[in-house]
Structures are given as structure tokens and as C-alpha cells.
């Protein structure tokens, strides 16, 4: 039996990531890569600002229910993102400053939280 919810949430995730990527590029960041997957975690967007590497978690909510996108990040997700970023930097031989940003997209509004965690 096909799960009808999966394609919809994946489509929403792609929409949120596209909005976030375009927004960050407009703010002067350089896009590097998206949807970097490891067995223990995923990085939605990898960006750079000068020599600083930025790992971005994108949360998208089409409706402002359940606390909205800003409240959608769990401590487990933060751990997985940190681990994925460490691995990404290791396999790409990156020895630089990095930070973790959150982009929350709620009903068309974009909120950017640099150094979110």
C-alpha cells in the first residue's frame, strides 16, 4: 500500500529548502550543496559566508499549527545535524570555522536564526 503522506511532505520540504536557499543567497551567502545524507543524519543546506561554513536546518510549515516551524527542531535532530556536519567537514578536509543556522518558513514568512544552536 502506498503512503500518500510521504510525497507530500517531501514536496513541502523541497519547497522550504528552495525558499531558504534563495533567501540566503539574496543575503550574500554562497550555496555549496543541499540534502547531504549520511546514515546518521542529513544536512539540508551547506552554505558559505567568506571562509565560514554554514550548515542550515530548514523547517517548513504550511500552516502555523503545532507551534510553527521555529518550534519544530528537537534535541535529537540537533545532535544528528552536528554529527553530519562534523563528518562532512572531515571527509572534505575542511579546517575552518562553522556555524549552525535555522531557517523557519511559516505560511510564506522566512525567519533566519544564525548561530541557532
Protein backbone atom coordinates (compact mmCIF):
# COMPACT_ATOMS: atom_id res chain seq x y z
CA UNK A 1 0.00 0.00 0.00
CA UNK A 2 1.38 3.40 -0.97
CA UNK A 3 1.94 6.01 1.74
CA UNK A 4 0.32 9.15 0.39
CA UNK A 5 1.82 11.40 3.07
CA UNK A 6 5.45 10.82 2.15
CA UNK A 7 5.47 12.52 -1.28
CA UNK A 8 3.57 15.50 0.09
CA UNK A 9 5.99 16.09 2.98
CA UNK A 10 8.98 15.60 0.68
CA UNK A 11 7.49 18.14 -1.72
CA UNK A 12 6.92 20.59 1.14
CA UNK A 13 10.48 20.03 2.34
CA UNK A 14 11.85 20.81 -1.14
CA UNK A 15 9.69 23.96 -1.29
CA UNK A 16 11.03 25.12 2.06
CA UNK A 17 14.62 24.36 1.11
CA UNK A 18 14.26 26.24 -2.20
CA UNK A 19 12.84 29.29 -0.42
CA UNK A 20 15.58 29.13 2.22
CA UNK A 21 18.39 28.70 -0.30
CA UNK A 22 17.19 31.61 -2.43
CA UNK A 23 16.76 33.80 0.65
CA UNK A 24 20.27 33.06 1.94
CA UNK A 25 21.83 33.69 -1.48
CA UNK A 26 20.00 37.04 -1.56
CA UNK A 27 21.57 37.79 1.84
CA UNK A 28 25.04 37.27 0.36
CA UNK A 29 25.80 33.65 1.29
CA UNK A 30 27.24 31.21 -1.25
CA UNK A 31 25.39 27.98 -1.93
CA UNK A 32 27.59 24.86 -1.77
CA UNK A 33 25.36 21.79 -1.54
CA UNK A 34 21.94 20.56 -0.42
CA UNK A 35 20.41 17.40 1.01
CA UNK A 36 23.69 15.87 2.13
CA UNK A 37 22.72 12.49 3.59
CA UNK A 38 24.64 10.17 5.85
CA UNK A 39 23.23 7.12 7.60
CA UNK A 40 23.20 9.05 10.90
CA UNK A 41 21.92 12.43 9.73
CA UNK A 42 21.18 14.90 6.97
CA UNK A 43 22.22 18.46 6.22
CA UNK A 44 19.54 20.45 4.41
CA UNK A 45 21.83 23.19 3.08
CA UNK A 46 25.57 23.79 3.12
CA UNK A 47 26.44 27.45 2.59
CA UNK A 48 29.48 29.68 3.00
CA UNK A 49 29.99 33.25 4.10
CA UNK A 50 33.56 34.11 3.21
CA UNK A 51 35.66 31.40 4.88
CA UNK A 52 32.93 30.42 7.36
CA UNK A 53 30.97 27.23 6.64
CA UNK A 54 27.27 27.31 7.49
CA UNK A 55 25.16 24.21 7.99
CA UNK A 56 21.48 25.06 7.70
CA UNK A 57 18.48 23.19 9.02
CA UNK A 58 15.28 24.19 7.21
CA UNK A 59 11.91 23.80 8.89
CA UNK A 60 8.84 24.39 6.75
CA UNK A 61 5.25 24.59 7.92
CA UNK A 62 2.44 25.42 5.51
CA UNK A 63 0.15 26.02 8.50
CA UNK A 64 1.06 27.72 11.74
CA UNK A 65 -0.06 24.81 13.91
CA UNK A 66 1.87 22.76 16.45
CA UNK A 67 3.97 25.77 17.40
CA UNK A 68 5.16 26.57 13.89
CA UNK A 69 8.48 25.92 12.23
CA UNK A 70 10.65 27.56 14.89
CA UNK A 71 9.49 25.01 17.46
CA UNK A 72 9.95 22.01 15.17
CA UNK A 73 13.62 21.30 15.94
CA UNK A 74 14.27 18.58 18.52
CA UNK A 75 17.44 17.95 20.50
CA UNK A 76 17.85 14.67 18.61
CA UNK A 77 17.76 16.50 15.29
CA UNK A 78 20.38 18.96 16.54
CA UNK A 79 22.67 16.07 17.55
CA UNK A 80 22.25 14.37 14.16
CA UNK A 81 22.94 17.62 12.29
CA UNK A 82 26.07 18.32 14.35
CA UNK A 83 27.34 14.80 13.71
CA UNK A 84 26.60 15.05 9.98
CA UNK A 85 28.39 18.43 9.80
CA UNK A 86 31.45 17.05 11.62
CA UNK A 87 31.57 14.13 9.20
CA UNK A 88 31.08 16.44 6.19
CA UNK A 89 34.00 18.62 7.30
CA UNK A 90 36.17 15.58 7.94
CA UNK A 91 35.59 13.88 4.58
CA UNK A 92 36.08 17.19 2.72
CA UNK A 93 39.22 18.08 4.72
CA UNK A 94 37.68 21.36 5.90
CA UNK A 95 39.53 23.06 8.72
CA UNK A 96 37.50 26.20 9.21
CA UNK A 97 35.02 27.92 11.46
CA UNK A 98 31.47 26.68 11.08
CA UNK A 99 28.09 27.54 12.48
CA UNK A 100 24.59 26.12 12.54
CA UNK A 101 21.68 28.22 11.32
CA UNK A 102 17.97 27.60 11.33
CA UNK A 103 15.62 28.81 8.62
CA UNK A 104 11.96 28.64 9.59
CA UNK A 105 9.41 29.04 6.82
CA UNK A 106 5.88 29.54 8.15
CA UNK A 107 2.99 30.42 5.85
CA UNK A 108 5.24 32.35 3.47
CA UNK A 109 7.28 34.12 6.17
CA UNK A 110 11.01 33.37 6.41
CA UNK A 111 12.87 33.67 9.70
CA UNK A 112 16.63 33.23 9.74
CA UNK A 113 18.35 32.41 13.00
CA UNK A 114 22.14 32.49 12.57
CA UNK A 115 24.03 30.51 15.23
CA UNK A 116 20.75 28.88 16.26
CA UNK A 117 22.48 26.09 18.19
